[in-house]
Amino acid sequence: MFSIEVGIKVGIKVSIRVSIRVGIKVSIKVSIKVSIRVSIRVGIKVSIEVGIRVGIEKCYRP
């Protein structure tokens, strides 16, 4: 089992402030938030079955 989850969140906030007093002031604030989450889950299941058969044969030869 090998699963990779990738989540990307992009948030953009734009705030515009216009103030008029003697002159005109325009302030634009742009904040970009990018959060990337990468979660890698590796599940390794290893089952090892070892069957050992030992046959001992004794051969008596005259």
PDB file of N, CA and C in Angstrom:
ATOM      1  N   MET A   1       0.850  -1.192   0.000  1.00  0.00           N
ATOM      2  CA  MET A   1       0.000   0.000   0.000  1.00  0.00           C
ATOM      3  C   MET A   1       0.886   1.243   0.000  1.00  0.00           C
ATOM      4  N   PHE A   2       0.676   2.070  -1.005  1.00  0.00           N
ATOM      5  CA  PHE A   2       1.465   3.300  -1.111  1.00  0.00           C
ATOM      6  C   PHE A   2       0.539   4.422  -1.535  1.00  0.00           C
ATOM      7  N   SER A   3       0.301   5.345  -0.610  1.00  0.00           N
ATOM      8  CA  SER A   3      -0.650   6.405  -0.913  1.00  0.00           C
ATOM      9  C   SER A   3      -0.029   7.764  -0.667  1.00  0.00           C
ATOM     10  N   ILE A   4      -0.234   8.661  -1.612  1.00  0.00           N
ATOM     11  CA  ILE A   4       0.273  10.023  -1.480  1.00  0.00           C
ATOM     12  C   ILE A   4      -0.899  10.989  -1.559  1.00  0.00           C
ATOM     13  N   GLU A   5      -1.006  11.821  -0.523  1.00  0.00           N
ATOM     14  CA  GLU A   5      -2.081  12.808  -0.514  1.00  0.00           C
ATOM     15  C   GLU A   5      -1.469  14.195  -0.610  1.00  0.00           C
ATOM     16  N   VAL A   6      -1.882  14.922  -1.619  1.00  0.00           N
ATOM     17  CA  VAL A   6      -1.362  16.268  -1.809  1.00  0.00           C
ATOM     18  C   VAL A   6      -2.517  17.254  -1.791  1.00  0.00           C
ATOM     19  N   GLY A   7      -2.454  18.192  -0.835  1.00  0.00           N
ATOM     20  CA  GLY A   7      -3.500  19.213  -0.750  1.00  0.00           C
ATOM     21  C   GLY A   7      -2.888  20.591  -0.916  1.00  0.00           C
ATOM     22  N   ILE A   8      -3.409  21.355  -1.838  1.00  0.00           N
ATOM     23  CA  ILE A   8      -2.898  22.700  -2.074  1.00  0.00           C
ATOM     24  C   ILE A   8      -4.018  23.708  -1.838  1.00  0.00           C
ATOM     25  N   LYS A   9      -3.759  24.636  -0.933  1.00  0.00           N
ATOM     26  CA  LYS A   9      -4.740  25.665  -0.655  1.00  0.00           C
ATOM     27  C   LYS A   9      -4.155  27.022  -1.029  1.00  0.00           C
ATOM     28  N   VAL A  10      -4.878  27.750  -1.846  1.00  0.00           N
ATOM     29  CA  VAL A  10      -4.418  29.071  -2.249  1.00  0.00           C
ATOM     30  C   VAL A  10      -5.478  30.098  -1.878  1.00  0.00           C
ATOM     31  N   GLY A  11      -5.080  31.025  -1.012  1.00  0.00           N
ATOM     32  CA  GLY A  11      -6.010  32.073  -0.604  1.00  0.00           C
ATOM     33  C   GLY A  11      -5.464  33.437  -0.991  1.00  0.00           C
ATOM     34  N   ILE A  12      -6.271  34.223  -1.685  1.00  0.00           N
ATOM     35  CA  ILE A  12      -5.840  35.558  -2.102  1.00  0.00           C
ATOM     36  C   ILE A  12      -6.776  36.594  -1.493  1.00  0.00           C
ATOM     37  N   LYS A  13      -6.178  37.515  -0.754  1.00  0.00           N
ATOM     38  CA  LYS A  13      -6.966  38.581  -0.163  1.00  0.00           C
ATOM     39  C   LYS A  13      -6.513  39.918  -0.748  1.00  0.00           C
ATOM     40  N   VAL A  14      -7.481  40.666  -1.266  1.00  0.00           N
ATOM     41  CA  VAL A  14      -7.151  41.973  -1.833  1.00  0.00           C
ATOM     42  C   VAL A  14      -7.957  43.032  -1.103  1.00  0.00           C
ATOM     43  N   SER A  15      -7.237  43.935  -0.465  1.00  0.00           N
ATOM     44  CA  SER A  15      -7.906  45.020   0.248  1.00  0.00           C
ATOM     45  C   SER A  15      -7.496  46.351  -0.368  1.00  0.00           C
ATOM     46  N   ILE A  16      -8.494  47.126  -0.781  1.00  0.00           N
ATOM     47  CA  ILE A  16      -8.224  48.423  -1.392  1.00  0.00           C
ATOM     48  C   ILE A  16      -8.798  49.531  -0.503  1.00  0.00           C
ATOM     49  N   ARG A  17      -7.926  50.452  -0.133  1.00  0.00           N
ATOM     50  CA  ARG A  17      -8.377  51.565   0.687  1.00  0.00           C
ATOM     51  C   ARG A  17      -8.137  52.869  -0.069  1.00  0.00           C
ATOM     52  N   VAL A  18      -9.171  53.634  -0.180  1.00  0.00           N
ATOM     53  CA  VAL A  18      -9.045  54.923  -0.855  1.00  0.00           C
ATOM     54  C   VAL A  18      -9.399  56.032   0.127  1.00  0.00           C
ATOM     55  N   SER A  19      -8.421  56.877   0.386  1.00  0.00           N
ATOM     56  CA  SER A  19      -8.664  57.985   1.311  1.00  0.00           C
ATOM     57  C   SER A  19      -8.457  59.315   0.573  1.00  0.00           C
ATOM     58  N   ILE A  20      -9.479  60.166   0.654  1.00  0.00           N
ATOM     59  CA  ILE A  20      -9.388  61.463  -0.019  1.00  0.00           C
ATOM     60  C   ILE A  20      -9.354  62.577   1.035  1.00  0.00           C
ATOM     61  N   ARG A  21      -8.207  63.235   1.108  1.00  0.00           N
ATOM     62  CA  ARG A  21      -8.138  64.377   2.012  1.00  0.00           C
ATOM     63  C   ARG A  21      -7.687  65.577   1.194  1.00  0.00           C
ATOM     64  N   VAL A  22      -6.409  65.786   1.142  1.00  0.00           N
ATOM     65  CA  VAL A  22      -5.905  66.859   0.289  1.00  0.00           C
ATOM     66  C   VAL A  22      -5.622  66.279  -1.080  1.00  0.00           C
ATOM     67  N   GLY A  23      -5.074  65.055  -1.043  1.00  0.00           N
ATOM     68  CA  GLY A  23      -4.830  64.382  -2.309  1.00  0.00           C
ATOM     69  C   GLY A  23      -5.573  63.057  -2.291  1.00  0.00           C
ATOM     70  N   ILE A  24      -5.267  62.201  -3.215  1.00  0.00           N
ATOM     71  CA  ILE A  24      -5.918  60.888  -3.271  1.00  0.00           C
ATOM     72  C   ILE A  24      -4.870  59.820  -2.969  1.00  0.00           C
ATOM     73  N   LYS A  25      -5.140  59.068  -1.943  1.00  0.00           N
ATOM     74  CA  LYS A  25      -4.219  58.003  -1.574  1.00  0.00           C
ATOM     75  C   LYS A  25      -4.909  56.659  -1.811  1.00  0.00           C
ATOM     76  N   VAL A  26      -4.279  55.847  -2.586  1.00  0.00           N
ATOM     77  CA  VAL A  26      -4.823  54.523  -2.859  1.00  0.00           C
ATOM     78  C   VAL A  26      -3.812  53.480  -2.391  1.00  0.00           C
ATOM     79  N   SER A  27      -4.223  52.727  -1.424  1.00  0.00           N
ATOM     80  CA  SER A  27      -3.340  51.672  -0.917  1.00  0.00           C
ATOM     81  C   SER A  27      -3.959  50.319  -1.241  1.00  0.00           C
ATOM     82  N   ILE A  28      -3.202  49.530  -1.943  1.00  0.00           N
ATOM     83  CA  ILE A  28      -3.684  48.197  -2.321  1.00  0.00           C
ATOM     84  C   ILE A  28      -2.804  47.160  -1.638  1.00  0.00           C
ATOM     85  N   LYS A  29      -3.458  46.329  -0.877  1.00  0.00           N
ATOM     86  CA  LYS A  29      -2.729  45.261  -0.201  1.00  0.00           C
ATOM     87  C   LYS A  29      -3.176  43.920  -0.750  1.00  0.00           C
ATOM     88  N   VAL A  30      -2.212  43.194  -1.239  1.00  0.00           N
ATOM     89  CA  VAL A  30      -2.504  41.862  -1.771  1.00  0.00           C
ATOM     90  C   VAL A  30      -1.699  40.840  -0.983  1.00  0.00           C
ATOM     91  N   SER A  31      -2.423  40.000  -0.303  1.00  0.00           N
ATOM     92  CA  SER A  31      -1.753  38.948   0.469  1.00  0.00           C
ATOM     93  C   SER A  31      -2.125  37.598  -0.120  1.00  0.00           C
ATOM     94  N   ILE A  32      -1.102  36.862  -0.477  1.00  0.00           N
ATOM     95  CA  ILE A  32      -1.325  35.540  -1.068  1.00  0.00           C
ATOM     96  C   ILE A  32      -0.762  34.483  -0.128  1.00  0.00           C
ATOM     97  N   LYS A  33      -1.631  33.613   0.265  1.00  0.00           N
ATOM     98  CA  LYS A  33      -1.206  32.531   1.144  1.00  0.00           C
ATOM     99  C   LYS A  33      -1.323  31.207   0.413  1.00  0.00           C
ATOM    100  N   VAL A  34      -0.207  30.538   0.327  1.00  0.00           N
ATOM    101  CA  VAL A  34      -0.200  29.227  -0.329  1.00  0.00           C
ATOM    102  C   VAL A  34       0.303  28.201   0.661  1.00  0.00           C
ATOM    103  N   SER A  35      -0.569  27.292   1.004  1.00  0.00           N
ATOM    104  CA  SER A  35      -0.172  26.231   1.931  1.00  0.00           C
ATOM    105  C   SER A  35      -0.244  24.898   1.212  1.00  0.00           C
ATOM    106  N   ILE A  36       0.875  24.218   1.224  1.00  0.00           N
ATOM    107  CA  ILE A  36       0.947  22.923   0.545  1.00  0.00           C
ATOM    108  C   ILE A  36       1.187  21.840   1.588  1.00  0.00           C
ATOM    109  N   ARG A  37       0.282  20.920   1.619  1.00  0.00           N
ATOM    110  CA  ARG A  37       0.430  19.813   2.558  1.00  0.00           C
ATOM    111  C   ARG A  37       0.613  18.518   1.788  1.00  0.00           C
ATOM    112  N   VAL A  38       1.708  17.875   2.063  1.00  0.00           N
ATOM    113  CA  VAL A  38       1.976  16.593   1.405  1.00  0.00           C
ATOM    114  C   VAL A  38       2.153  15.534   2.484  1.00  0.00           C
ATOM    115  N   SER A  39       1.245  14.614   2.498  1.00  0.00           N
ATOM    116  CA  SER A  39       1.345  13.527   3.468  1.00  0.00           C
ATOM    117  C   SER A  39       1.545  12.223   2.718  1.00  0.00           C
ATOM    118  N   ILE A  40       2.637  11.578   3.034  1.00  0.00           N
ATOM    119  CA  ILE A  40       2.959  10.317   2.363  1.00  0.00           C
ATOM    120  C   ILE A  40       2.826   9.185   3.373  1.00  0.00           C
ATOM    121  N   ARG A  41       1.950   8.310   3.065  1.00  0.00           N
ATOM    122  CA  ARG A  41       1.764   7.167   3.951  1.00  0.00           C
ATOM    123  C   ARG A  41       2.225   5.904   3.243  1.00  0.00           C
ATOM    124  N   VAL A  42       3.182   5.269   3.861  1.00  0.00           N
ATOM    125  CA  VAL A  42       3.693   4.034   3.279  1.00  0.00           C
ATOM    126  C   VAL A  42       3.442   2.893   4.252  1.00  0.00           C
ATOM    127  N   GLY A  43       2.602   2.008   3.841  1.00  0.00           N
ATOM    128  CA  GLY A  43       2.331   0.850   4.679  1.00  0.00           C
ATOM    129  C   GLY A  43       2.950  -0.370   4.029  1.00  0.00           C
ATOM    130  N   ILE A  44       3.917  -0.913   4.696  1.00  0.00           N
ATOM    131  CA  ILE A  44       4.602  -2.072   4.125  1.00  0.00           C
ATOM    132  C   ILE A  44       4.294  -3.297   4.975  1.00  0.00           C
ATOM    133  N   LYS A  45       3.628  -4.215   4.354  1.00  0.00           N
ATOM    134  CA  LYS A  45       3.327  -5.449   5.055  1.00  0.00           C
ATOM    135  C   LYS A  45       4.148  -6.574   4.436  1.00  0.00           C
ATOM    136  N   VAL A  46       5.042  -7.066   5.226  1.00  0.00           N
ATOM    137  CA  VAL A  46       5.901  -8.137   4.721  1.00  0.00           C
ATOM    138  C   VAL A  46       5.659  -9.381   5.558  1.00  0.00           C
ATOM    139  N   SER A  47       5.134 -10.350   4.890  1.00  0.00           N
ATOM    140  CA  SER A  47       4.927 -11.609   5.600  1.00  0.00           C
ATOM    141  C   SER A  47       5.879 -12.650   5.026  1.00  0.00           C
ATOM    142  N   ILE A  48       6.714 -13.112   5.885  1.00  0.00           N
ATOM    143  CA  ILE A  48       7.707 -14.090   5.433  1.00  0.00           C
ATOM    144  C   ILE A  48       7.425 -15.432   6.098  1.00  0.00           C
ATOM    145  N   GLU A  49       7.105 -16.344   5.251  1.00  0.00           N
ATOM    146  CA  GLU A  49       6.881 -17.677   5.780  1.00  0.00           C
ATOM    147  C   GLU A  49       8.021 -18.567   5.306  1.00  0.00           C
ATOM    148  N   VAL A  50       8.740 -19.047   6.263  1.00  0.00           N
ATOM    149  CA  VAL A  50       9.871 -19.887   5.915  1.00  0.00           C
ATOM    150  C   VAL A  50       9.613 -21.303   6.406  1.00  0.00           C
ATOM    151  N   GLY A  51       9.530 -22.150   5.447  1.00  0.00           N
ATOM    152  CA  GLY A  51       9.337 -23.556   5.812  1.00  0.00           C
ATOM    153  C   GLY A  51      10.644 -24.291   5.560  1.00  0.00           C
ATOM    154  N   ILE A  52      11.185 -24.806   6.618  1.00  0.00           N
ATOM    155  CA  ILE A  52      12.455 -25.527   6.482  1.00  0.00           C
ATOM    156  C   ILE A  52      12.209 -27.004   6.713  1.00  0.00           C
ATOM    157  N   ARG A  53      12.493 -27.724   5.667  1.00  0.00           N
ATOM    158  CA  ARG A  53      12.373 -29.176   5.801  1.00  0.00           C
ATOM    159  C   ARG A  53      13.761 -29.771   5.729  1.00  0.00           C
ATOM    160  N   VAL A  54      14.109 -30.395   6.784  1.00  0.00           N
ATOM    161  CA  VAL A  54      15.436 -30.998   6.818  1.00  0.00           C
ATOM    162  C   VAL A  54      15.289 -32.505   6.770  1.00  0.00           C
ATOM    163  N   GLY A  55      15.727 -33.017   5.665  1.00  0.00           N
ATOM    164  CA  GLY A  55      15.680 -34.479   5.533  1.00  0.00           C
ATOM    165  C   GLY A  55      17.089 -35.016   5.703  1.00  0.00           C
ATOM    166  N   ILE A  56      17.215 -35.806   6.705  1.00  0.00           N
ATOM    167  CA  ILE A  56      18.526 -36.385   6.917  1.00  0.00           C
ATOM    168  C   ILE A  56      18.482 -37.837   6.463  1.00  0.00           C
ATOM    169  N   GLU A  57      19.244 -38.055   5.429  1.00  0.00           N
ATOM    170  CA  GLU A  57      19.301 -39.427   4.925  1.00  0.00           C
ATOM    171  C   GLU A  57      20.684 -39.991   5.216  1.00  0.00           C
ATOM    172  N   LYS A  58      20.670 -41.089   5.905  1.00  0.00           N
ATOM    173  CA  LYS A  58      21.932 -41.731   6.204  1.00  0.00           C
ATOM    174  C   LYS A  58      22.060 -42.962   5.321  1.00  0.00           C
ATOM    175  N   CYS A  59      23.051 -42.880   4.527  1.00  0.00           N
ATOM    176  CA  CYS A  59      23.286 -44.024   3.646  1.00  0.00           C
ATOM    177  C   CYS A  59      24.516 -44.785   4.146  1.00  0.00           C
ATOM    178  N   TYR A  60      24.262 -46.034   4.540  1.00  0.00           N
ATOM    179  CA  TYR A  60      25.371 -46.860   4.987  1.00  0.00           C
ATOM    180  C   TYR A  60      25.779 -47.743   3.830  1.00  0.00           C
ATOM    181  N   ARG A  61      26.951 -47.471   3.352  1.00  0.00           N
ATOM    182  CA  ARG A  61      27.449 -48.321   2.276  1.00  0.00           C
ATOM    183  C   ARG A  61      28.594 -49.161   2.808  1.00  0.00           C
ATOM    184  N   PRO A  62      28.454 -50.419   2.590  1.00  0.00           N
ATOM    185  CA  PRO A  62      29.541 -51.303   3.044  1.00  0.00           C
ATOM    186  C   PRO A  62      30.789 -51.179   2.164  1.00  0.00           C
TER     187      PRO A  62
END
